[in-house]
C-alpha atoms as a PDB file:
ATOM      1  CA  MET A   1    -107.817  95.063 -76.894  1.00  0.00           C
ATOM      2  CA  GLN A   2    -106.377  98.677 -77.503  1.00  0.00           C
ATOM      3  CA  GLU A   3    -103.857 100.320 -75.458  1.00  0.00           C
ATOM      4  CA  LEU A   4    -101.676 103.713 -74.435  1.00  0.00           C
ATOM      5  CA  GLU A   5     -99.770 103.651 -72.296  1.00  0.00           C
ATOM      6  CA  LYS A   6     -96.850 106.378 -71.303  1.00  0.00           C
ATOM      7  CA  GLN A   7     -94.967 107.750 -68.832  1.00  0.00           C
ATOM      8  CA  LEU A   8     -92.670 110.862 -68.318  1.00  0.00           C
ATOM      9  CA  ASP A   9     -89.847 112.056 -65.441  1.00  0.00           C
ATOM     10  CA  VAL A  10     -90.501 115.104 -64.159  1.00  0.00           C
ATOM     11  CA  ALA A  11     -88.143 117.061 -62.504  1.00  0.00           C
ATOM     12  CA  PRO A  12     -88.749 118.955 -59.389  1.00  0.00           C
ATOM     13  CA  GLU A  13     -88.990 122.257 -61.167  1.00  0.00           C
ATOM     14  CA  PRO A  14     -92.074 124.448 -61.569  1.00  0.00           C
ATOM     15  CA  SER A  15     -91.409 124.751 -65.349  1.00  0.00           C
ATOM     16  CA  GLU A  16     -92.260 121.095 -65.641  1.00  0.00           C
ATOM     17  CA  VAL A  17     -95.724 121.223 -64.624  1.00  0.00           C
ATOM     18  CA  GLY A  18     -96.404 123.183 -68.226  1.00  0.00           C
ATOM     19  CA  ARG A  19     -94.307 120.354 -70.623  1.00  0.00           C
ATOM     20  CA  ALA A  20     -96.308 117.676 -68.686  1.00  0.00           C
ATOM     21  CA  ARG A  21     -99.696 119.326 -69.339  1.00  0.00           C
ATOM     22  CA  ARG A  22     -98.204 119.719 -73.108  1.00  0.00           C
ATOM     23  CA  TRP A  23     -96.799 115.876 -72.830  1.00  0.00           C
ATOM     24  CA  VAL A  24    -100.314 114.743 -72.208  1.00  0.00           C
ATOM     25  CA  ARG A  25    -102.325 116.941 -74.874  1.00  0.00           C
ATOM     26  CA  ALA A  26    -100.044 115.285 -77.684  1.00  0.00           C
ATOM     27  CA  GLN A  27    -100.392 112.003 -76.372  1.00  0.00           C
ATOM     28  CA  LEU A  28    -103.929 112.571 -76.746  1.00  0.00           C
ATOM     29  CA  GLY A  29    -104.262 114.220 -79.988  1.00  0.00           C
ATOM     30  CA  LYS A  30    -104.091 113.418 -83.774  1.00  0.00           C
ATOM     31  CA  GLY A  31    -102.187 110.518 -84.585  1.00  0.00           C
ATOM     32  CA  GLN A  32    -101.689 108.463 -81.418  1.00  0.00           C
ATOM     33  CA  PRO A  33    -103.308 105.448 -80.790  1.00  0.00           C
ATOM     34  CA  CYS A  34    -105.717 105.541 -78.315  1.00  0.00           C
ATOM     35  CA  PRO A  35    -108.793 103.561 -77.180  1.00  0.00           C
ATOM     36  CA  ALA A  36    -110.358 106.927 -76.084  1.00  0.00           C
ATOM     37  CA  ARG A  37    -111.674 109.573 -78.121  1.00  0.00           C
ATOM     38  CA  PRO A  38    -111.986 112.814 -75.289  1.00  0.00           C
ATOM     39  CA  ASP A  39    -113.356 115.277 -76.890  1.00  0.00           C
ATOM     40  CA  GLU A  40    -112.064 118.833 -76.686  1.00  0.00           C
ATOM     41  CA  SER A  41    -113.780 119.680 -73.235  1.00  0.00           C
ATOM     42  CA  GLN A  42    -112.313 116.355 -71.818  1.00  0.00           C
ATOM     43  CA  THR A  43    -108.884 116.754 -72.877  1.00  0.00           C
ATOM     44  CA  ASP A  44    -108.597 120.269 -71.392  1.00  0.00           C
ATOM     45  CA  THR A  45    -110.028 118.670 -68.478  1.00  0.00           C
ATOM     46  CA  LEU A  46    -107.235 116.194 -68.537  1.00  0.00           C
ATOM     47  CA  VAL A  47    -104.809 118.508 -68.691  1.00  0.00           C
ATOM     48  CA  LEU A  48    -105.715 120.798 -65.900  1.00  0.00           C
ATOM     49  CA  LEU A  49    -106.039 118.001 -64.099  1.00  0.00           C
ATOM     50  CA  VAL A  50    -102.427 116.940 -65.037  1.00  0.00           C
ATOM     51  CA  SER A  51    -101.434 120.292 -63.984  1.00  0.00           C
ATOM     52  CA  GLU A  52    -103.046 119.887 -60.454  1.00  0.00           C
ATOM     53  CA  LEU A  53    -101.156 116.369 -59.736  1.00  0.00           C
ATOM     54  CA  VAL A  54     -98.128 117.482 -61.309  1.00  0.00           C
ATOM     55  CA  THR A  55     -98.327 121.243 -59.077  1.00  0.00           C
ATOM     56  CA  ASN A  56     -98.563 119.126 -56.347  1.00  0.00           C
ATOM     57  CA  ALA A  57     -95.434 116.499 -56.467  1.00  0.00           C
ATOM     58  CA  VAL A  58     -93.240 119.379 -57.700  1.00  0.00           C
ATOM     59  CA  VAL A  59     -94.302 121.633 -55.146  1.00  0.00           C
ATOM     60  CA  HIS A  60     -95.084 119.404 -51.884  1.00  0.00           C
ATOM     61  CA  THR A  61     -92.132 116.955 -52.568  1.00  0.00           C
ATOM     62  CA  GLY A  62     -89.255 118.752 -53.998  1.00  0.00           C
ATOM     63  CA  ARG A  63     -88.095 115.290 -55.721  1.00  0.00           C
ATOM     64  CA  PRO A  64     -88.784 114.408 -58.840  1.00  0.00           C
ATOM     65  CA  ALA A  65     -91.438 112.515 -60.126  1.00  0.00           C
ATOM     66  CA  VAL A  66     -93.342 110.373 -62.998  1.00  0.00           C
ATOM     67  CA  LEU A  67     -95.916 110.809 -64.625  1.00  0.00           C
ATOM     68  CA  ARG A  68     -97.872 108.020 -66.346  1.00  0.00           C
ATOM     69  CA  LEU A  69    -101.141 108.237 -68.985  1.00  0.00           C
ATOM     70  CA  ALA A  70    -103.044 104.621 -69.397  1.00  0.00           C
ATOM     71  CA  VAL A  71    -106.160 103.907 -71.456  1.00  0.00           C
ATOM     72  CA  ARG A  72    -107.125 100.646 -71.363  1.00  0.00           C
ATOM     73  CA  GLN A  73    -110.416  99.590 -73.335  1.00  0.00           C
ATOM     74  CA  VAL A  74    -112.254  97.480 -70.847  1.00  0.00           C
ATOM     75  CA  ALA A  75    -115.502  96.443 -73.597  1.00  0.00           C
ATOM     76  CA  THR A  76    -116.510  97.744 -76.706  1.00  0.00           C
ATOM     77  CA  GLY A  77    -119.476 100.750 -76.176  1.00  0.00           C
ATOM     78  CA  ARG A  78    -118.663 101.822 -72.942  1.00  0.00           C
ATOM     79  CA  ASN A  79    -116.886 104.657 -71.692  1.00  0.00           C
ATOM     80  CA  VAL A  80    -113.199 104.375 -71.705  1.00  0.00           C
ATOM     81  CA  PRO A  81    -111.133 105.424 -68.728  1.00  0.00           C
ATOM     82  CA  VAL A  82    -108.305 107.560 -69.058  1.00  0.00           C
ATOM     83  CA  ARG A  83    -106.231 107.420 -66.207  1.00  0.00           C
ATOM     84  CA  LEU A  84    -103.434 109.927 -65.012  1.00  0.00           C
ATOM     85  CA  GLU A  85    -101.139 108.701 -62.048  1.00  0.00           C
ATOM     86  CA  VAL A  86     -98.447 110.341 -60.367  1.00  0.00           C
ATOM     87  CA  VAL A  87     -95.631 108.594 -58.813  1.00  0.00           C
ATOM     88  CA  ASP A  88     -93.000 110.244 -56.632  1.00  0.00           C
ATOM     89  CA  ASP A  89     -90.917 109.128 -53.624  1.00  0.00           C
ATOM     90  CA  SER A  90     -92.765 110.905 -51.020  1.00  0.00           C
ATOM     91  CA  SER A  91     -94.788 108.745 -48.314  1.00  0.00           C
ATOM     92  CA  ARG A  92     -96.552 111.974 -47.104  1.00  0.00           C
ATOM     93  CA  ALA A  93    -100.097 111.595 -48.010  1.00  0.00           C
ATOM     94  CA  PRO A  94    -102.114 113.864 -50.312  1.00  0.00           C
ATOM     95  CA  ARG A  95    -103.975 116.199 -47.809  1.00  0.00           C
ATOM     96  CA  PRO A  96    -107.399 118.244 -49.444  1.00  0.00           C
ATOM     97  CA  ARG A  97    -107.141 121.603 -48.256  1.00  0.00           C
ATOM     98  CA  HIS A  98    -110.056 124.370 -48.653  1.00  0.00           C
ATOM     99  CA  ALA A  99    -108.798 127.651 -50.090  1.00  0.00           C
ATOM    100  CA  GLU A 100    -110.687 131.060 -48.798  1.00  0.00           C
ATOM    101  CA  GLY A 101    -110.916 134.116 -51.190  1.00  0.00           C
ATOM    102  CA  GLU A 102    -107.506 135.553 -52.605  1.00  0.00           C
ATOM    103  CA  ASP A 103    -105.343 132.384 -51.650  1.00  0.00           C
ATOM    104  CA  THR A 104    -103.032 131.359 -54.207  1.00  0.00           C
ATOM    105  CA  GLY A 105    -102.685 127.867 -53.105  1.00  0.00           C
ATOM    106  CA  GLY A 106    -104.673 124.709 -51.993  1.00  0.00           C
ATOM    107  CA  ARG A 107    -107.249 124.351 -54.422  1.00  0.00           C
ATOM    108  CA  GLY A 108    -105.860 121.140 -56.459  1.00  0.00           C
ATOM    109  CA  LEU A 109    -107.030 118.389 -54.584  1.00  0.00           C
ATOM    110  CA  GLU A 110    -110.225 120.006 -54.499  1.00  0.00           C
ATOM    111  CA  LEU A 111    -110.130 120.507 -58.140  1.00  0.00           C
ATOM    112  CA  VAL A 112    -109.100 117.058 -58.968  1.00  0.00           C
ATOM    113  CA  GLU A 113    -112.164 116.058 -56.613  1.00  0.00           C
ATOM    114  CA  VAL A 114    -114.718 118.048 -58.378  1.00  0.00           C
ATOM    115  CA  LEU A 115    -113.448 117.493 -62.110  1.00  0.00           C
ATOM    116  CA  ALA A 116    -112.378 113.433 -61.819  1.00  0.00           C
ATOM    117  CA  ASP A 117    -114.752 110.890 -62.191  1.00  0.00           C
ATOM    118  CA  ARG A 118    -112.690 108.606 -59.721  1.00  0.00           C
ATOM    119  CA  TRP A 119    -109.620 109.937 -57.925  1.00  0.00           C
ATOM    120  CA  GLY A 120    -107.348 108.214 -54.883  1.00  0.00           C
ATOM    121  CA  TRP A 121    -103.960 107.512 -53.920  1.00  0.00           C
ATOM    122  CA  HIS A 122    -101.816 104.559 -52.323  1.00  0.00           C
ATOM    123  CA  HIS A 123     -98.436 103.970 -51.148  1.00  0.00           C
ATOM    124  CA  GLU A 124     -96.453 102.504 -53.095  1.00  0.00           C
ATOM    125  CA  GLY A 125     -92.557 101.342 -52.176  1.00  0.00           C
ATOM    126  CA  GLN A 126     -90.169 104.101 -50.372  1.00  0.00           C
ATOM    127  CA  GLY A 127     -93.551 107.065 -51.897  1.00  0.00           C
ATOM    128  CA  LYS A 128     -96.883 106.917 -53.241  1.00  0.00           C
ATOM    129  CA  ARG A 129     -99.257 106.985 -56.676  1.00  0.00           C
ATOM    130  CA  VAL A 130    -101.640 109.577 -56.996  1.00  0.00           C
ATOM    131  CA  TRP A 131    -104.033 108.825 -59.555  1.00  0.00           C
ATOM    132  CA  CYS A 132    -107.277 110.042 -60.804  1.00  0.00           C
ATOM    133  CA  GLU A 133    -109.581 108.899 -63.872  1.00  0.00           C
ATOM    134  CA  LEU A 134    -111.725 110.421 -66.514  1.00  0.00           C
ATOM    135  CA  ASP A 135    -114.629 108.829 -68.357  1.00  0.00           C
ATOM    136  CA  CYS A 136    -114.601 109.473 -72.307  1.00  0.00           C
ATOM    137  CA  SER A 137    -115.666 107.991 -75.142  1.00  0.00           C
ATOM    138  CA  PRO A 138    -114.465 104.951 -76.869  1.00  0.00           C
ATOM    139  CA  ALA A 139    -112.423 105.737 -79.917  1.00  0.00           C
ATOM    140  CA  GLY A 140    -114.864 104.120 -82.251  1.00  0.00           C
ATOM    141  CA  SER A 141    -117.935 106.565 -81.432  1.00  0.00           C
ATOM    142  CA  PRO A 142    -118.420 110.097 -82.906  1.00  0.00           C
ATOM    143  CA  ARG A 143    -116.953 112.897 -80.151  1.00  0.00           C
ATOM    144  CA  GLY A 144    -119.164 114.078 -77.636  1.00  0.00           C
ATOM    145  CA  GLU A 145    -120.799 110.734 -77.637  1.00  0.00           C
ATOM    146  CA  GLU A 146    -120.577 108.533 -74.637  1.00  0.00           C
ATOM    147  CA  ALA A 147    -121.606 105.550 -73.380  1.00  0.00           C
ATOM    148  CA  SER A 148    -124.062 105.095 -70.884  1.00  0.00           C
ATOM    149  CA  GLU A 149    -122.141 102.487 -68.693  1.00  0.00           C
ATOM    150  CA  PRO A 150    -119.253 104.228 -66.327  1.00  0.00           C
ATOM    151  CA  SER A 151    -116.287 101.687 -65.424  1.00  0.00           C
ATOM    152  CA  GLU A 152    -115.777 100.470 -62.059  1.00  0.00           C
ATOM    153  CA  PRO A 153    -115.325 102.720 -59.313  1.00  0.00           C
ATOM    154  CA  GLY A 154    -111.873 103.024 -57.820  1.00  0.00           C
ATOM    155  CA  ARG A 155    -110.735 104.004 -54.322  1.00  0.00           C
ATOM    156  CA  ARG A 156    -111.996 107.631 -53.807  1.00  0.00           C
ATOM    157  CA  VAL A 157    -110.397 109.942 -51.334  1.00  0.00           C
ATOM    158  CA  PRO A 158    -113.210 111.876 -49.957  1.00  0.00           C
ATOM    159  CA  ALA A 159    -113.066 115.525 -49.706  1.00  0.00           C
ATOM    160  CA  GLY A 160    -112.222 116.815 -45.757  1.00  0.00           C
ATOM    161  CA  TYR A 161    -113.327 120.404 -46.636  1.00  0.00           C
END
């Protein structure tokens, strides 16, 4: 079974969000062994999801975090979930908000809810793990041609807006 599992330590600084975006794009780029083959649109979505999850960790905790990228092919011919996780040492639960018109914040988890196939969170040690998954085509399939069966559902946090 082919796997890709990488992690990046993230400092509690806003500039780390851009570094995390570049890092995940590089991990999914050409030359990296990966059981998923996200097309350009899926890669852009994954980068946006990373941006939202890392921004939430940096802004709302002010503490270091760890970004993890995990891709494991479950079975040949099925969609392959690309999983993003951000682990931080704040036990405060993520709280979806609803931004109004010109608000400059408050859309992060709303975007994750809309863009990811699944997302959720759970306590881990003294902190928490916030994760999301996007189903992508398997590496052996032509770009843009996804298999029909989704991966198993995860615990999803319903939007409270």
